Amino acid sequence: MAELRSLDPNTPMFTQFKEKTGPIVLANTFVVPKGRTESFLALFRRQAEFMKAQPGFVSLQMHKGTADSRLLMNVAVWESTEALATAFGSPDFQRMAAEFPDDIVSYPHIFEQIDV
């Protein structure tokens, strides 16, 4: 299973799941070993199809770092933290997540839109 690390150690993702808010954006940055992007994306696409069918899902887009970067970033919009937490905690999703190799590192974080 991919290693989950907190982008902000003061507010790990599982703590963020307790915050009842929405809509939200999940930004999840992955560090993928060189030469493994395509195999990572094949697994990720299966997860994405599952998530797209879950209540509260709005949209999803994967981005790749430039200049031979090893980073990929998923940006997903959900109606609420509750909807995301329910989908993330489902046994089907957890089985798929367990398929990612141990050398993948994931930095998920939940954001709310604010006025600027």
PDB file of N, CA and C in Angstrom:
ATOM      1  N   MET A   1       0.840  -1.179   0.000  1.00  0.00           N
ATOM      2  CA  MET A   1       0.000   0.000   0.000  1.00  0.00           C
ATOM      3  C   MET A   1       0.886   1.244   0.000  1.00  0.00           C
ATOM      4  N   ALA A   2       0.463   2.282  -0.700  1.00  0.00           N
ATOM      5  CA  ALA A   2       1.210   3.534  -0.730  1.00  0.00           C
ATOM      6  C   ALA A   2       1.334   4.096   0.680  1.00  0.00           C
ATOM      7  N   GLU A   3       2.420   4.781   0.910  1.00  0.00           N
ATOM      8  CA  GLU A   3       2.629   5.411   2.208  1.00  0.00           C
ATOM      9  C   GLU A   3       1.917   6.762   2.227  1.00  0.00           C
ATOM     10  N   LEU A   4       1.024   6.964   3.210  1.00  0.00           N
ATOM     11  CA  LEU A   4       0.337   8.242   3.363  1.00  0.00           C
ATOM     12  C   LEU A   4       1.138   9.135   4.297  1.00  0.00           C
ATOM     13  N   ARG A   5       1.435  10.333   3.851  1.00  0.00           N
ATOM     14  CA  ARG A   5       2.119  11.315   4.691  1.00  0.00           C
ATOM     15  C   ARG A   5       1.276  12.586   4.721  1.00  0.00           C
ATOM     16  N   SER A   6       1.381  13.305   5.810  1.00  0.00           N
ATOM     17  CA  SER A   6       0.623  14.543   5.946  1.00  0.00           C
ATOM     18  C   SER A   6       1.381  15.711   5.334  1.00  0.00           C
ATOM     19  N   LEU A   7       0.716  16.431   4.474  1.00  0.00           N
ATOM     20  CA  LEU A   7       1.283  17.651   3.916  1.00  0.00           C
ATOM     21  C   LEU A   7       1.433  18.687   5.031  1.00  0.00           C
ATOM     22  N   ASP A   8       0.451  18.736   5.919  1.00  0.00           N
ATOM     23  CA  ASP A   8       0.490  19.602   7.094  1.00  0.00           C
ATOM     24  C   ASP A   8       0.396  18.698   8.321  1.00  0.00           C
ATOM     25  N   PRO A   9       1.492  18.471   9.020  1.00  0.00           N
ATOM     26  CA  PRO A   9       1.484  17.558  10.172  1.00  0.00           C
ATOM     27  C   PRO A   9       0.500  17.948  11.269  1.00  0.00           C
ATOM     28  N   ASN A  10       0.092  19.227  11.310  1.00  0.00           N
ATOM     29  CA  ASN A  10      -0.869  19.668  12.319  1.00  0.00           C
ATOM     30  C   ASN A  10      -2.304  19.266  12.003  1.00  0.00           C
ATOM     31  N   THR A  11      -2.571  18.946  10.740  1.00  0.00           N
ATOM     32  CA  THR A  11      -3.926  18.561  10.337  1.00  0.00           C
ATOM     33  C   THR A  11      -3.883  17.417   9.330  1.00  0.00           C
ATOM     34  N   PRO A  12      -3.581  16.205   9.799  1.00  0.00           N
ATOM     35  CA  PRO A  12      -3.568  15.068   8.872  1.00  0.00           C
ATOM     36  C   PRO A  12      -4.959  14.831   8.278  1.00  0.00           C
ATOM     37  N   MET A  13      -4.992  14.130   7.161  1.00  0.00           N
ATOM     38  CA  MET A  13      -6.250  13.903   6.440  1.00  0.00           C
ATOM     39  C   MET A  13      -7.318  13.274   7.322  1.00  0.00           C
ATOM     40  N   PHE A  14      -6.960  12.309   8.151  1.00  0.00           N
ATOM     41  CA  PHE A  14      -7.984  11.642   8.964  1.00  0.00           C
ATOM     42  C   PHE A  14      -8.583  12.594   9.991  1.00  0.00           C
ATOM     43  N   THR A  15      -7.821  13.576  10.444  1.00  0.00           N
ATOM     44  CA  THR A  15      -8.373  14.624  11.311  1.00  0.00           C
ATOM     45  C   THR A  15      -9.302  15.513  10.495  1.00  0.00           C
ATOM     46  N   GLN A  16      -8.927  15.800   9.273  1.00  0.00           N
ATOM     47  CA  GLN A  16      -9.757  16.633   8.411  1.00  0.00           C
ATOM     48  C   GLN A  16     -11.102  15.975   8.098  1.00  0.00           C
ATOM     49  N   PHE A  17     -11.136  14.659   8.036  1.00  0.00           N
ATOM     50  CA  PHE A  17     -12.399  13.954   7.787  1.00  0.00           C
ATOM     51  C   PHE A  17     -13.443  14.281   8.847  1.00  0.00           C
ATOM     52  N   LYS A  18     -13.023  14.644  10.045  1.00  0.00           N
ATOM     53  CA  LYS A  18     -13.955  14.937  11.143  1.00  0.00           C
ATOM     54  C   LYS A  18     -14.620  16.302  10.987  1.00  0.00           C
ATOM     55  N   GLU A  19     -14.034  17.170  10.179  1.00  0.00           N
ATOM     56  CA  GLU A  19     -14.585  18.502   9.943  1.00  0.00           C
ATOM     57  C   GLU A  19     -15.766  18.385   8.982  1.00  0.00           C
ATOM     58  N   LYS A  20     -16.930  18.780   9.421  1.00  0.00           N
ATOM     59  CA  LYS A  20     -18.121  18.665   8.582  1.00  0.00           C
ATOM     60  C   LYS A  20     -18.261  19.945   7.761  1.00  0.00           C
ATOM     61  N   THR A  21     -17.804  19.877   6.528  1.00  0.00           N
ATOM     62  CA  THR A  21     -17.809  21.047   5.667  1.00  0.00           C
ATOM     63  C   THR A  21     -17.920  20.625   4.206  1.00  0.00           C
ATOM     64  N   GLY A  22     -18.187  21.560   3.358  1.00  0.00           N
ATOM     65  CA  GLY A  22     -18.248  21.287   1.936  1.00  0.00           C
ATOM     66  C   GLY A  22     -18.796  22.480   1.200  1.00  0.00           C
ATOM     67  N   PRO A  23     -18.615  22.542  -0.078  1.00  0.00           N
ATOM     68  CA  PRO A  23     -17.845  21.591  -0.879  1.00  0.00           C
ATOM     69  C   PRO A  23     -16.354  21.670  -0.545  1.00  0.00           C
ATOM     70  N   ILE A  24     -15.648  20.616  -0.881  1.00  0.00           N
ATOM     71  CA  ILE A  24     -14.222  20.523  -0.580  1.00  0.00           C
ATOM     72  C   ILE A  24     -13.438  20.081  -1.803  1.00  0.00           C
ATOM     73  N   VAL A  25     -12.137  20.326  -1.744  1.00  0.00           N
ATOM     74  CA  VAL A  25     -11.209  19.850  -2.767  1.00  0.00           C
ATOM     75  C   VAL A  25     -10.174  18.977  -2.076  1.00  0.00           C
ATOM     76  N   LEU A  26      -9.997  17.787  -2.575  1.00  0.00           N
ATOM     77  CA  LEU A  26      -8.915  16.909  -2.124  1.00  0.00           C
ATOM     78  C   LEU A  26      -7.774  17.065  -3.117  1.00  0.00           C
ATOM     79  N   ALA A  27      -6.648  17.581  -2.645  1.00  0.00           N
ATOM     80  CA  ALA A  27      -5.441  17.648  -3.470  1.00  0.00           C
ATOM     81  C   ALA A  27      -4.505  16.569  -2.949  1.00  0.00           C
ATOM     82  N   ASN A  28      -4.188  15.618  -3.790  1.00  0.00           N
ATOM     83  CA  ASN A  28      -3.360  14.490  -3.367  1.00  0.00           C
ATOM     84  C   ASN A  28      -2.152  14.411  -4.294  1.00  0.00           C
ATOM     85  N   THR A  29      -0.981  14.728  -3.733  1.00  0.00           N
ATOM     86  CA  THR A  29       0.254  14.677  -4.504  1.00  0.00           C
ATOM     87  C   THR A  29       0.935  13.342  -4.272  1.00  0.00           C
ATOM     88  N   PHE A  30       1.312  12.685  -5.353  1.00  0.00           N
ATOM     89  CA  PHE A  30       1.962  11.380  -5.294  1.00  0.00           C
ATOM     90  C   PHE A  30       3.398  11.500  -5.789  1.00  0.00           C
ATOM     91  N   VAL A  31       4.314  10.846  -5.102  1.00  0.00           N
ATOM     92  CA  VAL A  31       5.683  10.718  -5.569  1.00  0.00           C
ATOM     93  C   VAL A  31       5.801   9.304  -6.134  1.00  0.00           C
ATOM     94  N   VAL A  32       6.034   9.218  -7.445  1.00  0.00           N
ATOM     95  CA  VAL A  32       6.037   7.936  -8.151  1.00  0.00           C
ATOM     96  C   VAL A  32       7.454   7.663  -8.661  1.00  0.00           C
ATOM     97  N   PRO A  33       8.001   6.494  -8.358  1.00  0.00           N
ATOM     98  CA  PRO A  33       9.358   6.178  -8.836  1.00  0.00           C
ATOM     99  C   PRO A  33       9.464   6.292 -10.358  1.00  0.00           C
ATOM    100  N   LYS A  34      10.618   6.704 -10.798  1.00  0.00           N
ATOM    101  CA  LYS A  34      10.900   6.868 -12.229  1.00  0.00           C
ATOM    102  C   LYS A  34      10.574   5.572 -12.982  1.00  0.00           C
ATOM    103  N   GLY A  35       9.929   5.722 -14.121  1.00  0.00           N
ATOM    104  CA  GLY A  35       9.601   4.581 -14.961  1.00  0.00           C
ATOM    105  C   GLY A  35       8.331   3.841 -14.551  1.00  0.00           C
ATOM    106  N   ARG A  36       7.638   4.320 -13.508  1.00  0.00           N
ATOM    107  CA  ARG A  36       6.458   3.606 -13.017  1.00  0.00           C
ATOM    108  C   ARG A  36       5.161   4.401 -13.164  1.00  0.00           C
ATOM    109  N   THR A  37       5.226   5.516 -13.879  1.00  0.00           N
ATOM    110  CA  THR A  37       4.042   6.365 -14.002  1.00  0.00           C
ATOM    111  C   THR A  37       2.876   5.621 -14.640  1.00  0.00           C
ATOM    112  N   GLU A  38       3.115   4.907 -15.732  1.00  0.00           N
ATOM    113  CA  GLU A  38       2.011   4.235 -16.429  1.00  0.00           C
ATOM    114  C   GLU A  38       1.369   3.150 -15.570  1.00  0.00           C
ATOM    115  N   SER A  39       2.149   2.373 -14.854  1.00  0.00           N
ATOM    116  CA  SER A  39       1.560   1.335 -13.995  1.00  0.00           C
ATOM    117  C   SER A  39       0.796   1.972 -12.835  1.00  0.00           C
ATOM    118  N   PHE A  40       1.316   3.093 -12.296  1.00  0.00           N
ATOM    119  CA  PHE A  40       0.595   3.823 -11.255  1.00  0.00           C
ATOM    120  C   PHE A  40      -0.751   4.312 -11.792  1.00  0.00           C
ATOM    121  N   LEU A  41      -0.728   4.929 -12.973  1.00  0.00           N
ATOM    122  CA  LEU A  41      -1.960   5.479 -13.537  1.00  0.00           C
ATOM    123  C   LEU A  41      -2.992   4.397 -13.832  1.00  0.00           C
ATOM    124  N   ALA A  42      -2.561   3.220 -14.221  1.00  0.00           N
ATOM    125  CA  ALA A  42      -3.512   2.119 -14.464  1.00  0.00           C
ATOM    126  C   ALA A  42      -4.270   1.779 -13.176  1.00  0.00           C
ATOM    127  N   LEU A  43      -3.562   1.698 -12.066  1.00  0.00           N
ATOM    128  CA  LEU A  43      -4.222   1.447 -10.778  1.00  0.00           C
ATOM    129  C   LEU A  43      -5.091   2.629 -10.366  1.00  0.00           C
ATOM    130  N   PHE A  44      -4.580   3.827 -10.565  1.00  0.00           N
ATOM    131  CA  PHE A  44      -5.325   5.022 -10.173  1.00  0.00           C
ATOM    132  C   PHE A  44      -6.633   5.135 -10.960  1.00  0.00           C
ATOM    133  N   ARG A  45      -6.602   4.808 -12.240  1.00  0.00           N
ATOM    134  CA  ARG A  45      -7.825   4.894 -13.061  1.00  0.00           C
ATOM    135  C   ARG A  45      -8.927   3.996 -12.510  1.00  0.00           C
ATOM    136  N   ARG A  46      -8.563   2.824 -12.004  1.00  0.00           N
ATOM    137  CA  ARG A  46      -9.560   1.934 -11.387  1.00  0.00           C
ATOM    138  C   ARG A  46     -10.168   2.589 -10.150  1.00  0.00           C
ATOM    139  N   GLN A  47      -9.316   3.191  -9.339  1.00  0.00           N
ATOM    140  CA  GLN A  47      -9.816   3.902  -8.151  1.00  0.00           C
ATOM    141  C   GLN A  47     -10.716   5.065  -8.560  1.00  0.00           C
ATOM    142  N   ALA A  48     -10.311   5.793  -9.578  1.00  0.00           N
ATOM    143  CA  ALA A  48     -11.082   6.948 -10.026  1.00  0.00           C
ATOM    144  C   ALA A  48     -12.476   6.532 -10.483  1.00  0.00           C
ATOM    145  N   GLU A  49     -12.574   5.446 -11.218  1.00  0.00           N
ATOM    146  CA  GLU A  49     -13.891   4.969 -11.668  1.00  0.00           C
ATOM    147  C   GLU A  49     -14.775   4.621 -10.481  1.00  0.00           C
ATOM    148  N   PHE A  50     -14.204   4.012  -9.465  1.00  0.00           N
ATOM    149  CA  PHE A  50     -14.957   3.705  -8.247  1.00  0.00           C
ATOM    150  C   PHE A  50     -15.436   5.005  -7.594  1.00  0.00           C
ATOM    151  N   MET A  51     -14.532   5.955  -7.409  1.00  0.00           N
ATOM    152  CA  MET A  51     -14.880   7.206  -6.727  1.00  0.00           C
ATOM    153  C   MET A  51     -15.945   7.992  -7.491  1.00  0.00           C
ATOM    154  N   LYS A  52     -15.859   7.992  -8.818  1.00  0.00           N
ATOM    155  CA  LYS A  52     -16.829   8.728  -9.625  1.00  0.00           C
ATOM    156  C   LYS A  52     -18.258   8.229  -9.399  1.00  0.00           C
ATOM    157  N   ALA A  53     -18.411   6.988  -9.002  1.00  0.00           N
ATOM    158  CA  ALA A  53     -19.731   6.406  -8.784  1.00  0.00           C
ATOM    159  C   ALA A  53     -20.250   6.619  -7.356  1.00  0.00           C
ATOM    160  N   GLN A  54     -19.462   7.266  -6.504  1.00  0.00           N
ATOM    161  CA  GLN A  54     -19.844   7.422  -5.104  1.00  0.00           C
ATOM    162  C   GLN A  54     -20.691   8.673  -4.891  1.00  0.00           C
ATOM    163  N   PRO A  55     -21.652   8.598  -3.955  1.00  0.00           N
ATOM    164  CA  PRO A  55     -22.463   9.787  -3.635  1.00  0.00           C
ATOM    165  C   PRO A  55     -21.574  10.932  -3.162  1.00  0.00           C
ATOM    166  N   GLY A  56     -21.843  12.124  -3.667  1.00  0.00           N
ATOM    167  CA  GLY A  56     -21.107  13.307  -3.251  1.00  0.00           C
ATOM    168  C   GLY A  56     -19.907  13.630  -4.113  1.00  0.00           C
ATOM    169  N   PHE A  57     -19.536  12.732  -5.026  1.00  0.00           N
ATOM    170  CA  PHE A  57     -18.423  13.003  -5.936  1.00  0.00           C
ATOM    171  C   PHE A  57     -18.850  14.078  -6.942  1.00  0.00           C
ATOM    172  N   VAL A  58     -17.948  15.033  -7.233  1.00  0.00           N
ATOM    173  CA  VAL A  58     -18.240  16.084  -8.210  1.00  0.00           C
ATOM    174  C   VAL A  58     -17.332  15.970  -9.425  1.00  0.00           C
ATOM    175  N   SER A  59     -16.017  15.996  -9.228  1.00  0.00           N
ATOM    176  CA  SER A  59     -15.105  15.945 -10.369  1.00  0.00           C
ATOM    177  C   SER A  59     -13.717  15.508  -9.918  1.00  0.00           C
ATOM    178  N   LEU A  60     -12.880  15.174 -10.915  1.00  0.00           N
ATOM    179  CA  LEU A  60     -11.527  14.695 -10.632  1.00  0.00           C
ATOM    180  C   LEU A  60     -10.638  15.017 -11.824  1.00  0.00           C
ATOM    181  N   GLN A  61      -9.410  15.410 -11.551  1.00  0.00           N
ATOM    182  CA  GLN A  61      -8.448  15.671 -12.614  1.00  0.00           C
ATOM    183  C   GLN A  61      -7.055  15.328 -12.106  1.00  0.00           C
ATOM    184  N   MET A  62      -6.289  14.587 -12.903  1.00  0.00           N
ATOM    185  CA  MET A  62      -4.907  14.238 -12.551  1.00  0.00           C
ATOM    186  C   MET A  62      -3.976  15.187 -13.301  1.00  0.00           C
ATOM    187  N   HIS A  63      -2.914  15.602 -12.620  1.00  0.00           N
ATOM    188  CA  HIS A  63      -1.911  16.498 -13.199  1.00  0.00           C
ATOM    189  C   HIS A  63      -0.535  15.862 -13.020  1.00  0.00           C
ATOM    190  N   LYS A  64       0.367  16.125 -13.988  1.00  0.00           N
ATOM    191  CA  LYS A  64       1.732  15.599 -13.929  1.00  0.00           C
ATOM    192  C   LYS A  64       2.707  16.757 -13.834  1.00  0.00           C
ATOM    193  N   GLY A  65       3.702  16.626 -12.955  1.00  0.00           N
ATOM    194  CA  GLY A  65       4.745  17.631 -12.843  1.00  0.00           C
ATOM    195  C   GLY A  65       5.525  17.742 -14.143  1.00  0.00           C
ATOM    196  N   THR A  66       6.037  18.916 -14.406  1.00  0.00           N
ATOM    197  CA  THR A  66       6.789  19.151 -15.630  1.00  0.00           C
ATOM    198  C   THR A  66       8.273  18.844 -15.423  1.00  0.00           C
ATOM    199  N   ALA A  67       9.006  18.901 -16.514  1.00  0.00           N
ATOM    200  CA  ALA A  67      10.473  18.784 -16.504  1.00  0.00           C
ATOM    201  C   ALA A  67      10.943  17.480 -15.873  1.00  0.00           C
ATOM    202  N   ASP A  68      10.356  16.380 -16.305  1.00  0.00           N
ATOM    203  CA  ASP A  68      10.762  15.052 -15.845  1.00  0.00           C
ATOM    204  C   ASP A  68      10.535  14.834 -14.345  1.00  0.00           C
ATOM    205  N   SER A  69       9.549  15.550 -13.796  1.00  0.00           N
ATOM    206  CA  SER A  69       9.196  15.411 -12.387  1.00  0.00           C
ATOM    207  C   SER A  69       8.611  14.030 -12.116  1.00  0.00           C
ATOM    208  N   ARG A  70       8.778  13.544 -10.907  1.00  0.00           N
ATOM    209  CA  ARG A  70       8.185  12.270 -10.479  1.00  0.00           C
ATOM    210  C   ARG A  70       6.854  12.492  -9.774  1.00  0.00           C
ATOM    211  N   LEU A  71       6.344  13.734  -9.772  1.00  0.00           N
ATOM    212  CA  LEU A  71       5.119  14.056  -9.048  1.00  0.00           C
ATOM    213  C   LEU A  71       3.889  14.000  -9.940  1.00  0.00           C
ATOM    214  N   LEU A  72       2.832  13.438  -9.386  1.00  0.00           N
ATOM    215  CA  LEU A  72       1.502  13.479  -9.983  1.00  0.00           C
ATOM    216  C   LEU A  72       0.586  14.057  -8.911  1.00  0.00           C
ATOM    217  N   MET A  73      -0.417  14.847  -9.324  1.00  0.00           N
ATOM    218  CA  MET A  73      -1.337  15.419  -8.357  1.00  0.00           C
ATOM    219  C   MET A  73      -2.767  15.251  -8.825  1.00  0.00           C
ATOM    220  N   ASN A  74      -3.553  14.610  -7.985  1.00  0.00           N
ATOM    221  CA  ASN A  74      -4.975  14.445  -8.220  1.00  0.00           C
ATOM    222  C   ASN A  74      -5.693  15.585  -7.506  1.00  0.00           C
ATOM    223  N   VAL A  75      -6.604  16.253  -8.222  1.00  0.00           N
ATOM    224  CA  VAL A  75      -7.452  17.278  -7.622  1.00  0.00           C
ATOM    225  C   VAL A  75      -8.890  16.799  -7.803  1.00  0.00           C
ATOM    226  N   ALA A  76      -9.549  16.508  -6.681  1.00  0.00           N
ATOM    227  CA  ALA A  76     -10.910  15.981  -6.722  1.00  0.00           C
ATOM    228  C   ALA A  76     -11.834  16.886  -5.914  1.00  0.00           C
ATOM    229  N   VAL A  77     -12.997  17.169  -6.463  1.00  0.00           N
ATOM    230  CA  VAL A  77     -13.998  17.992  -5.784  1.00  0.00           C
ATOM    231  C   VAL A  77     -15.100  17.071  -5.266  1.00  0.00           C
ATOM    232  N   TRP A  78     -15.467  17.282  -4.014  1.00  0.00           N
ATOM    233  CA  TRP A  78     -16.524  16.514  -3.351  1.00  0.00           C
ATOM    234  C   TRP A  78     -17.526  17.476  -2.725  1.00  0.00           C
ATOM    235  N   GLU A  79     -18.757  17.026  -2.574  1.00  0.00           N
ATOM    236  CA  GLU A  79     -19.786  17.844  -1.950  1.00  0.00           C
ATOM    237  C   GLU A  79     -19.495  18.107  -0.476  1.00  0.00           C
ATOM    238  N   SER A  80     -18.810  17.152   0.190  1.00  0.00           N
ATOM    239  CA  SER A  80     -18.549  17.304   1.625  1.00  0.00           C
ATOM    240  C   SER A  80     -17.423  16.380   2.070  1.00  0.00           C
ATOM    241  N   THR A  81     -16.865  16.702   3.227  1.00  0.00           N
ATOM    242  CA  THR A  81     -15.864  15.804   3.810  1.00  0.00           C
ATOM    243  C   THR A  81     -16.510  14.468   4.163  1.00  0.00           C
ATOM    244  N   GLU A  82     -17.766  14.499   4.581  1.00  0.00           N
ATOM    245  CA  GLU A  82     -18.449  13.247   4.937  1.00  0.00           C
ATOM    246  C   GLU A  82     -18.539  12.300   3.746  1.00  0.00           C
ATOM    247  N   ALA A  83     -18.864  12.840   2.575  1.00  0.00           N
ATOM    248  CA  ALA A  83     -18.970  12.004   1.377  1.00  0.00           C
ATOM    249  C   ALA A  83     -17.613  11.408   1.021  1.00  0.00           C
ATOM    250  N   LEU A  84     -16.564  12.221   1.067  1.00  0.00           N
ATOM    251  CA  LEU A  84     -15.221  11.721   0.773  1.00  0.00           C
ATOM    252  C   LEU A  84     -14.802  10.665   1.788  1.00  0.00           C
ATOM    253  N   ALA A  85     -15.020  10.926   3.064  1.00  0.00           N
ATOM    254  CA  ALA A  85     -14.625   9.977   4.111  1.00  0.00           C
ATOM    255  C   ALA A  85     -15.349   8.646   3.957  1.00  0.00           C
ATOM    256  N   THR A  86     -16.619   8.689   3.606  1.00  0.00           N
ATOM    257  CA  THR A  86     -17.392   7.454   3.399  1.00  0.00           C
ATOM    258  C   THR A  86     -16.822   6.660   2.235  1.00  0.00           C
ATOM    259  N   ALA A  87     -16.552   7.337   1.124  1.00  0.00           N
ATOM    260  CA  ALA A  87     -15.991   6.654  -0.058  1.00  0.00           C
ATOM    261  C   ALA A  87     -14.608   6.103   0.254  1.00  0.00           C
ATOM    262  N   PHE A  88     -13.771   6.902   0.898  1.00  0.00           N
ATOM    263  CA  PHE A  88     -12.402   6.494   1.226  1.00  0.00           C
ATOM    264  C   PHE A  88     -12.401   5.295   2.174  1.00  0.00           C
ATOM    265  N   GLY A  89     -13.322   5.270   3.098  1.00  0.00           N
ATOM    266  CA  GLY A  89     -13.363   4.198   4.086  1.00  0.00           C
ATOM    267  C   GLY A  89     -14.037   2.921   3.624  1.00  0.00           C
ATOM    268  N   SER A  90     -14.605   2.914   2.435  1.00  0.00           N
ATOM    269  CA  SER A  90     -15.312   1.716   1.970  1.00  0.00           C
ATOM    270  C   SER A  90     -14.329   0.559   1.764  1.00  0.00           C
ATOM    271  N   PRO A  91     -14.750  -0.655   2.087  1.00  0.00           N
ATOM    272  CA  PRO A  91     -13.877  -1.818   1.903  1.00  0.00           C
ATOM    273  C   PRO A  91     -13.394  -1.987   0.455  1.00  0.00           C
ATOM    274  N   ASP A  92     -14.241  -1.686  -0.519  1.00  0.00           N
ATOM    275  CA  ASP A  92     -13.831  -1.811  -1.925  1.00  0.00           C
ATOM    276  C   ASP A  92     -12.695  -0.856  -2.246  1.00  0.00           C
ATOM    277  N   PHE A  93     -12.808   0.400  -1.792  1.00  0.00           N
ATOM    278  CA  PHE A  93     -11.740   1.365  -2.044  1.00  0.00           C
ATOM    279  C   PHE A  93     -10.465   0.951  -1.318  1.00  0.00           C
ATOM    280  N   GLN A  94     -10.581   0.498  -0.087  1.00  0.00           N
ATOM    281  CA  GLN A  94      -9.404   0.099   0.679  1.00  0.00           C
ATOM    282  C   GLN A  94      -8.679  -1.077   0.024  1.00  0.00           C
ATOM    283  N   ARG A  95      -9.425  -2.002  -0.580  1.00  0.00           N
ATOM    284  CA  ARG A  95      -8.785  -3.118  -1.307  1.00  0.00           C
ATOM    285  C   ARG A  95      -7.985  -2.596  -2.496  1.00  0.00           C
ATOM    286  N   MET A  96      -8.561  -1.639  -3.223  1.00  0.00           N
ATOM    287  CA  MET A  96      -7.844  -1.065  -4.367  1.00  0.00           C
ATOM    288  C   MET A  96      -6.622  -0.279  -3.894  1.00  0.00           C
ATOM    289  N   ALA A  97      -6.757   0.481  -2.828  1.00  0.00           N
ATOM    290  CA  ALA A  97      -5.633   1.267  -2.302  1.00  0.00           C
ATOM    291  C   ALA A  97      -4.483   0.370  -1.876  1.00  0.00           C
ATOM    292  N   ALA A  98      -4.801  -0.813  -1.370  1.00  0.00           N
ATOM    293  CA  ALA A  98      -3.768  -1.752  -0.920  1.00  0.00           C
ATOM    294  C   ALA A  98      -2.921  -2.281  -2.083  1.00  0.00           C
ATOM    295  N   GLU A  99      -3.407  -2.135  -3.312  1.00  0.00           N
ATOM    296  CA  GLU A  99      -2.670  -2.622  -4.477  1.00  0.00           C
ATOM    297  C   GLU A  99      -1.500  -1.727  -4.868  1.00  0.00           C
ATOM    298  N   PHE A 100      -1.482  -0.481  -4.386  1.00  0.00           N
ATOM    299  CA  PHE A 100      -0.374   0.408  -4.736  1.00  0.00           C
ATOM    300  C   PHE A 100       0.900  -0.079  -4.065  1.00  0.00           C
ATOM    301  N   PRO A 101       2.012  -0.059  -4.783  1.00  0.00           N
ATOM    302  CA  PRO A 101       3.291  -0.493  -4.199  1.00  0.00           C
ATOM    303  C   PRO A 101       3.701   0.384  -3.019  1.00  0.00           C
ATOM    304  N   ASP A 102       4.471  -0.196  -2.125  1.00  0.00           N
ATOM    305  CA  ASP A 102       4.912   0.491  -0.915  1.00  0.00           C
ATOM    306  C   ASP A 102       5.814   1.680  -1.193  1.00  0.00           C
ATOM    307  N   ASP A 103       6.422   1.749  -2.370  1.00  0.00           N
ATOM    308  CA  ASP A 103       7.343   2.858  -2.634  1.00  0.00           C
ATOM    309  C   ASP A 103       6.662   4.080  -3.256  1.00  0.00           C
ATOM    310  N   ILE A 104       5.339   4.053  -3.332  1.00  0.00           N
ATOM    311  CA  ILE A 104       4.570   5.235  -3.729  1.00  0.00           C
ATOM    312  C   ILE A 104       4.302   6.030  -2.452  1.00  0.00           C
ATOM    313  N   VAL A 105       4.515   7.343  -2.490  1.00  0.00           N
ATOM    314  CA  VAL A 105       4.224   8.195  -1.335  1.00  0.00           C
ATOM    315  C   VAL A 105       3.112   9.153  -1.731  1.00  0.00           C
ATOM    316  N   SER A 106       2.121   9.274  -0.852  1.00  0.00           N
ATOM    317  CA  SER A 106       0.944  10.085  -1.106  1.00  0.00           C
ATOM    318  C   SER A 106       0.820  11.169  -0.038  1.00  0.00           C
ATOM    319  N   TYR A 107       0.553  12.403  -0.485  1.00  0.00           N
ATOM    320  CA  TYR A 107       0.381  13.548   0.415  1.00  0.00           C
ATOM    321  C   TYR A 107      -1.019  14.138   0.207  1.00  0.00           C
ATOM    322  N   PRO A 108      -2.060  13.543   0.791  1.00  0.00           N
ATOM    323  CA  PRO A 108      -3.418  14.065   0.605  1.00  0.00           C
ATOM    324  C   PRO A 108      -3.722  15.207   1.583  1.00  0.00           C
ATOM    325  N   HIS A 109      -4.494  16.173   1.119  1.00  0.00           N
ATOM    326  CA  HIS A 109      -4.932  17.256   1.994  1.00  0.00           C
ATOM    327  C   HIS A 109      -6.258  17.799   1.466  1.00  0.00           C
ATOM    328  N   ILE A 110      -7.139  18.146   2.385  1.00  0.00           N
ATOM    329  CA  ILE A 110      -8.471  18.652   2.040  1.00  0.00           C
ATOM    330  C   ILE A 110      -8.482  20.172   2.185  1.00  0.00           C
ATOM    331  N   PHE A 111      -9.088  20.827   1.203  1.00  0.00           N
ATOM    332  CA  PHE A 111      -9.156  22.292   1.185  1.00  0.00           C
ATOM    333  C   PHE A 111     -10.605  22.749   0.985  1.00  0.00           C
ATOM    334  N   GLU A 112     -10.888  23.945   1.497  1.00  0.00           N
ATOM    335  CA  GLU A 112     -12.154  24.631   1.239  1.00  0.00           C
ATOM    336  C   GLU A 112     -11.849  25.857   0.396  1.00  0.00           C
ATOM    337  N   GLN A 113     -12.790  26.247  -0.446  1.00  0.00           N
ATOM    338  CA  GLN A 113     -12.630  27.459  -1.214  1.00  0.00           C
ATOM    339  C   GLN A 113     -12.852  28.659  -0.301  1.00  0.00           C
ATOM    340  N   ILE A 114     -12.044  29.684  -0.479  1.00  0.00           N
ATOM    341  CA  ILE A 114     -12.221  30.920   0.269  1.00  0.00           C
ATOM    342  C   ILE A 114     -12.256  32.087  -0.699  1.00  0.00           C
ATOM    343  N   ASP A 115     -12.781  33.201  -0.237  1.00  0.00           N
ATOM    344  CA  ASP A 115     -12.802  34.409  -1.063  1.00  0.00           C
ATOM    345  C   ASP A 115     -11.443  35.073  -1.008  1.00  0.00           C
ATOM    346  N   VAL A 116     -11.013  35.604  -2.117  1.00  0.00           N
ATOM    347  CA  VAL A 116      -9.754  36.341  -2.167  1.00  0.00           C
ATOM    348  C   VAL A 116     -10.019  37.718  -2.746  1.00  0.00           C
TER     349      VAL A 116
END
